[in-house]
Amino acid sequence: MGEQAKRWLAEQMREKHISEEIVANVLGIPAEKFYVGTGEILEADEFLRICAYLHIRPENIPLDD
């Protein structure tokens, strides 16, 4: 997933007061994949697993920013 998706996920985690490190540890996803500008790619299945964990709907991601 692109940088926009990472920014959106970061905002969702901030709103829920959940850190990227916690989500990464629970789901077994390298924490570097959560951060914008690392060059790490967040795969679609990882993105969907994160959305499920956070109880958010991935179709709500804004695509026009």
C-alpha atoms as a PDB file:
ATOM      1  CA  MET A   1       0.000   0.000   0.000  1.00  0.00           C
ATOM      2  CA  GLY A   2       1.151   3.506  -0.635  1.00  0.00           C
ATOM      3  CA  GLU A   3       2.221   6.288   1.628  1.00  0.00           C
ATOM      4  CA  GLN A   4      -1.316   7.721   1.703  1.00  0.00           C
ATOM      5  CA  ALA A   5      -2.623   4.462   3.153  1.00  0.00           C
ATOM      6  CA  LYS A   6       0.122   4.495   5.795  1.00  0.00           C
ATOM      7  CA  ARG A   7      -0.753   8.061   6.781  1.00  0.00           C
ATOM      8  CA  TRP A   8      -4.434   7.122   7.040  1.00  0.00           C
ATOM      9  CA  LEU A   9      -3.633   4.084   9.190  1.00  0.00           C
ATOM     10  CA  ALA A  10      -1.405   6.209  11.414  1.00  0.00           C
ATOM     11  CA  GLU A  11      -4.272   8.658  11.949  1.00  0.00           C
ATOM     12  CA  GLN A  12      -6.667   5.819  12.759  1.00  0.00           C
ATOM     13  CA  MET A  13      -4.205   4.414  15.317  1.00  0.00           C
ATOM     14  CA  ARG A  14      -3.730   7.859  16.893  1.00  0.00           C
ATOM     15  CA  GLU A  15      -7.497   8.274  17.219  1.00  0.00           C
ATOM     16  CA  LYS A  16      -7.716   4.883  18.948  1.00  0.00           C
ATOM     17  CA  HIS A  17      -4.615   5.537  21.093  1.00  0.00           C
ATOM     18  CA  ILE A  18      -2.874   2.412  19.784  1.00  0.00           C
ATOM     19  CA  SER A  19       0.789   2.524  18.815  1.00  0.00           C
ATOM     20  CA  GLU A  20       2.219   1.109  15.621  1.00  0.00           C
ATOM     21  CA  GLU A  21       4.572  -1.036  17.691  1.00  0.00           C
ATOM     22  CA  ILE A  22       1.705  -2.746  19.500  1.00  0.00           C
ATOM     23  CA  VAL A  23      -0.149  -3.504  16.268  1.00  0.00           C
ATOM     24  CA  ALA A  24       3.071  -4.717  14.651  1.00  0.00           C
ATOM     25  CA  ASN A  25       3.796  -7.068  17.553  1.00  0.00           C
ATOM     26  CA  VAL A  26       0.271  -8.460  17.747  1.00  0.00           C
ATOM     27  CA  LEU A  27      -0.003  -9.057  13.991  1.00  0.00           C
ATOM     28  CA  GLY A  28       3.621 -10.043  13.366  1.00  0.00           C
ATOM     29  CA  ILE A  29       4.193  -7.285  10.820  1.00  0.00           C
ATOM     30  CA  PRO A  30       7.557  -5.473  10.879  1.00  0.00           C
ATOM     31  CA  ALA A  31       7.051  -2.055  12.480  1.00  0.00           C
ATOM     32  CA  GLU A  32       9.071  -0.363   9.709  1.00  0.00           C
ATOM     33  CA  LYS A  33       6.223  -1.090   7.296  1.00  0.00           C
ATOM     34  CA  PHE A  34       3.936   1.243   9.255  1.00  0.00           C
ATOM     35  CA  TYR A  35       6.030   4.372   8.824  1.00  0.00           C
ATOM     36  CA  VAL A  36       5.977   6.806   5.910  1.00  0.00           C
ATOM     37  CA  GLY A  37       9.283   7.324   4.153  1.00  0.00           C
ATOM     38  CA  THR A  38      10.979   4.066   5.163  1.00  0.00           C
ATOM     39  CA  GLY A  39      10.755   2.556   1.702  1.00  0.00           C
ATOM     40  CA  GLU A  40       9.058  -0.496   3.209  1.00  0.00           C
ATOM     41  CA  ILE A  41       5.940  -1.632   1.392  1.00  0.00           C
ATOM     42  CA  LEU A  42       2.821  -2.529   3.346  1.00  0.00           C
ATOM     43  CA  GLU A  43       1.270  -5.440   1.472  1.00  0.00           C
ATOM     44  CA  ALA A  44      -2.488  -5.431   0.833  1.00  0.00           C
ATOM     45  CA  ASP A  45      -3.097  -8.407   3.119  1.00  0.00           C
ATOM     46  CA  GLU A  46      -1.146  -6.674   5.908  1.00  0.00           C
ATOM     47  CA  PHE A  47      -3.192  -3.516   5.386  1.00  0.00           C
ATOM     48  CA  LEU A  48      -6.436  -5.498   5.626  1.00  0.00           C
ATOM     49  CA  ARG A  49      -5.268  -7.338   8.747  1.00  0.00           C
ATOM     50  CA  ILE A  50      -4.452  -4.006  10.391  1.00  0.00           C
ATOM     51  CA  CYS A  51      -7.876  -2.640   9.452  1.00  0.00           C
ATOM     52  CA  ALA A  52      -9.550  -5.725  10.915  1.00  0.00           C
ATOM     53  CA  TYR A  53      -7.513  -5.431  14.114  1.00  0.00           C
ATOM     54  CA  LEU A  54      -8.471  -1.755  14.478  1.00  0.00           C
ATOM     55  CA  HIS A  55     -12.113  -2.435  13.535  1.00  0.00           C
ATOM     56  CA  ILE A  56     -12.029   0.085  10.703  1.00  0.00           C
ATOM     57  CA  ARG A  57     -13.385  -0.193   7.184  1.00  0.00           C
ATOM     58  CA  PRO A  58     -10.654  -0.010   4.534  1.00  0.00           C
ATOM     59  CA  GLU A  59     -13.071   1.401   1.969  1.00  0.00           C
ATOM     60  CA  ASN A  60     -13.198   4.580   4.079  1.00  0.00           C
ATOM     61  CA  ILE A  61      -9.641   5.554   3.123  1.00  0.00           C
ATOM     62  CA  PRO A  62      -9.728   8.949   1.423  1.00  0.00           C
ATOM     63  CA  LEU A  63      -8.336   8.688  -2.095  1.00  0.00           C
ATOM     64  CA  ASP A  64      -8.426  12.340  -3.104  1.00  0.00           C
ATOM     65  CA  ASP A  65      -5.697  13.794  -0.818  1.00  0.00           C
END
